[in-house]
N, C-alpha and C. Protein backbone atom coordinates (compact mmCIF):
# COMPACT_ATOMS: atom_id res chain seq x y z
N MET A 1 -0.18 18.73 -2.43
CA MET A 1 0.67 17.71 -1.82
C MET A 1 1.99 17.76 -1.62
N LYS A 2 2.89 17.35 -0.71
CA LYS A 2 4.34 17.42 -0.65
C LYS A 2 4.98 16.48 -1.48
N GLU A 3 6.16 17.08 -1.84
CA GLU A 3 6.89 16.20 -2.60
C GLU A 3 7.42 14.86 -1.92
N HIS A 4 7.67 15.12 -0.73
CA HIS A 4 8.05 14.19 0.33
C HIS A 4 6.90 13.00 0.53
N THR A 5 5.66 13.46 0.66
CA THR A 5 4.50 12.40 0.68
C THR A 5 4.63 11.56 -0.67
N LEU A 6 4.50 12.35 -1.76
CA LEU A 6 4.79 11.47 -3.34
C LEU A 6 5.55 10.56 -3.13
N ASN A 7 6.89 11.07 -3.15
CA ASN A 7 7.92 10.05 -3.03
C ASN A 7 7.84 9.03 -2.00
N HIS A 8 7.47 9.19 -0.80
CA HIS A 8 7.28 7.90 0.18
C HIS A 8 5.91 6.91 -0.56
N LEU A 9 5.04 7.66 -0.94
CA LEU A 9 3.99 6.73 -1.72
C LEU A 9 4.38 5.59 -2.85
N CYS A 10 5.63 6.32 -3.39
CA CYS A 10 6.00 5.60 -4.29
C CYS A 10 7.22 4.37 -4.23
N SER A 11 7.73 4.49 -2.63
CA SER A 11 8.48 3.43 -2.18
C SER A 11 8.03 2.42 -1.91
N ASP A 12 8.75 1.25 -1.66
CA ASP A 12 8.30 -0.02 -0.89
C ASP A 12 7.94 -0.24 0.04
N ASN A 13 8.13 0.76 1.05
CA ASN A 13 7.84 0.24 2.49
C ASN A 13 6.63 1.25 3.03
N VAL A 14 5.49 1.65 2.33
CA VAL A 14 4.58 2.45 2.74
C VAL A 14 3.42 1.19 3.57
N ASP A 15 3.29 1.56 4.60
CA ASP A 15 2.19 0.88 5.47
C ASP A 15 1.06 1.41 5.69
N ARG A 16 0.65 2.75 5.19
CA ARG A 16 -0.74 3.14 5.46
C ARG A 16 -0.88 4.38 4.56
N VAL A 17 -2.03 4.72 4.12
CA VAL A 17 -2.33 5.76 3.24
C VAL A 17 -3.56 6.67 3.69
N TYR A 18 -3.94 7.58 3.75
CA TYR A 18 -5.11 8.43 4.18
C TYR A 18 -6.07 8.16 2.57
N LEU A 19 -7.20 8.01 3.02
CA LEU A 19 -8.05 7.97 1.82
C LEU A 19 -7.99 9.19 1.22
N GLU A 20 -7.92 10.39 1.61
CA GLU A 20 -7.79 11.69 1.01
C GLU A 20 -6.84 11.75 0.16
N THR A 21 -5.59 11.01 0.47
CA THR A 21 -4.35 11.06 -0.57
C THR A 21 -4.60 10.38 -1.43
N LEU A 22 -5.35 9.15 -1.43
CA LEU A 22 -5.47 8.31 -2.56
C LEU A 22 -6.55 9.08 -3.72
N GLU A 23 -7.58 9.65 -2.87
CA GLU A 23 -8.29 10.49 -3.82
C GLU A 23 -8.14 11.79 -4.70
N LEU A 24 -6.90 12.17 -3.88
CA LEU A 24 -6.18 13.47 -4.70
C LEU A 24 -5.37 12.97 -5.82
N VAL A 25 -4.67 11.72 -5.35
CA VAL A 25 -3.89 11.35 -6.50
C VAL A 25 -4.65 10.66 -7.75
N CYS A 26 -5.92 10.09 -7.59
CA CYS A 26 -6.70 9.70 -8.44
C CYS A 26 -7.07 10.76 -9.28
N LYS A 27 -7.77 11.57 -8.65
CA LYS A 27 -8.34 12.65 -9.55
C LYS A 27 -7.19 13.58 -10.06
N THR A 28 -6.23 13.71 -9.59
CA THR A 28 -5.10 14.46 -10.31
C THR A 28 -4.92 13.60 -11.57
N LEU A 29 -4.53 12.36 -11.50
CA LEU A 29 -4.38 11.27 -12.89
C LEU A 29 -5.57 11.05 -13.60
N SER A 30 -6.59 11.52 -13.21
CA SER A 30 -7.84 11.16 -13.90
C SER A 30 -7.72 9.43 -14.02
N ILE A 31 -7.51 8.88 -12.80
CA ILE A 31 -7.72 7.38 -13.00
C ILE A 31 -8.56 6.88 -11.66
N SER A 32 -8.86 5.52 -12.07
CA SER A 32 -9.62 4.93 -10.92
C SER A 32 -8.75 4.39 -9.79
N ILE A 33 -9.31 4.30 -8.67
CA ILE A 33 -8.64 3.38 -7.53
C ILE A 33 -8.04 1.99 -8.21
N GLU A 34 -8.65 1.40 -8.82
CA GLU A 34 -8.20 0.25 -9.21
C GLU A 34 -7.30 0.33 -9.87
N GLU A 35 -6.74 1.32 -10.76
CA GLU A 35 -5.65 1.57 -11.65
C GLU A 35 -4.57 2.21 -10.97
N LEU A 36 -4.58 2.60 -9.67
CA LEU A 36 -3.54 2.97 -8.93
C LEU A 36 -2.86 2.07 -8.04
N ILE A 37 -3.62 1.03 -7.63
CA ILE A 37 -3.41 0.25 -6.30
C ILE A 37 -3.20 -1.20 -7.08
N GLU A 38 -1.91 -1.69 -6.85
CA GLU A 38 -1.80 -3.35 -7.35
C GLU A 38 -1.68 -4.13 -5.87
N ILE A 39 -2.29 -5.20 -5.62
CA ILE A 39 -2.05 -5.87 -4.70
C ILE A 39 -1.38 -6.98 -4.83
N ASP A 40 -0.17 -7.40 -3.90
CA ASP A 40 0.86 -8.22 -4.36
C ASP A 40 0.12 -9.47 -3.38
N LEU A 41 -0.72 -10.63 -3.93
CA LEU A 41 -1.39 -11.58 -3.29
C LEU A 41 -0.31 -12.29 -2.54
N ALA A 42 1.04 -12.79 -3.46
CA ALA A 42 1.84 -13.57 -3.09
C ALA A 42 2.45 -12.99 -1.62
N ALA A 43 3.25 -11.67 -1.81
CA ALA A 43 3.41 -11.19 -0.80
C ALA A 43 2.62 -11.25 0.36
N HIS A 44 1.44 -10.78 0.14
CA HIS A 44 0.42 -11.14 1.42
C HIS A 44 0.41 -12.25 2.00
N ARG A 45 0.46 -13.29 1.25
CA ARG A 45 0.53 -14.61 1.81
C ARG A 45 1.69 -15.02 2.49
N ARG A 46 2.83 -14.65 1.90
CA ARG A 46 4.17 -14.91 2.58
C ARG A 46 3.92 -14.34 4.18
N LYS A 47 3.45 -12.85 4.11
CA LYS A 47 3.60 -12.31 5.15
C LYS A 47 2.58 -12.83 6.50
N ALA A 48 1.53 -13.27 5.96
CA ALA A 48 0.55 -14.16 6.81
C ALA A 48 1.04 -15.30 7.15
N ALA A 49 1.78 -16.22 6.73
CA ALA A 49 2.31 -17.21 6.73
C ALA A 49 3.39 -17.09 7.90
N ALA A 50 4.07 -16.14 7.47
CA ALA A 50 5.33 -15.77 8.77
C ALA A 50 4.50 -15.43 10.17
N VAL A 51 3.36 -14.55 10.10
CA VAL A 51 2.74 -14.02 11.32
C VAL A 51 2.13 -15.32 12.08
N SER A 52 1.70 -16.15 11.22
CA SER A 52 1.05 -17.64 11.69
C SER A 52 2.02 -18.57 12.26
N LEU A 53 3.50 -18.54 11.69
CA LEU A 53 4.58 -19.43 12.43
C LEU A 53 4.73 -18.58 13.62
N ILE A 54 5.06 -17.14 13.50
CA ILE A 54 5.27 -16.72 14.95
C ILE A 54 4.33 -17.20 16.03
N HIS A 55 3.22 -17.30 15.76
CA HIS A 55 2.01 -17.06 16.71
C HIS A 55 2.20 -18.42 17.10
N SER A 56 2.53 -19.34 16.57
CA SER A 56 2.35 -20.88 16.82
C SER A 56 3.68 -21.12 17.92
N PHE A 57 4.72 -20.41 17.74
CA PHE A 57 5.55 -20.42 18.74
C PHE A 57 5.50 -19.54 20.20
N SER A 58 4.38 -18.81 20.16
CA SER A 58 4.20 -18.19 21.34
C SER A 58 3.67 -18.89 22.44
């Protein structure tokens, strides 16, 4: 894995990741996917509410 790829994965603006990349990171660190990924439900809800609001004005 390239250093640039790893740095991007650690940033706040990741919008997609290849499953193979997640698998490689988990295997390398000897961790499960649950230990690797944290879902911010509050941020997800805010984003969904904003999208809903935008669509209501369309």
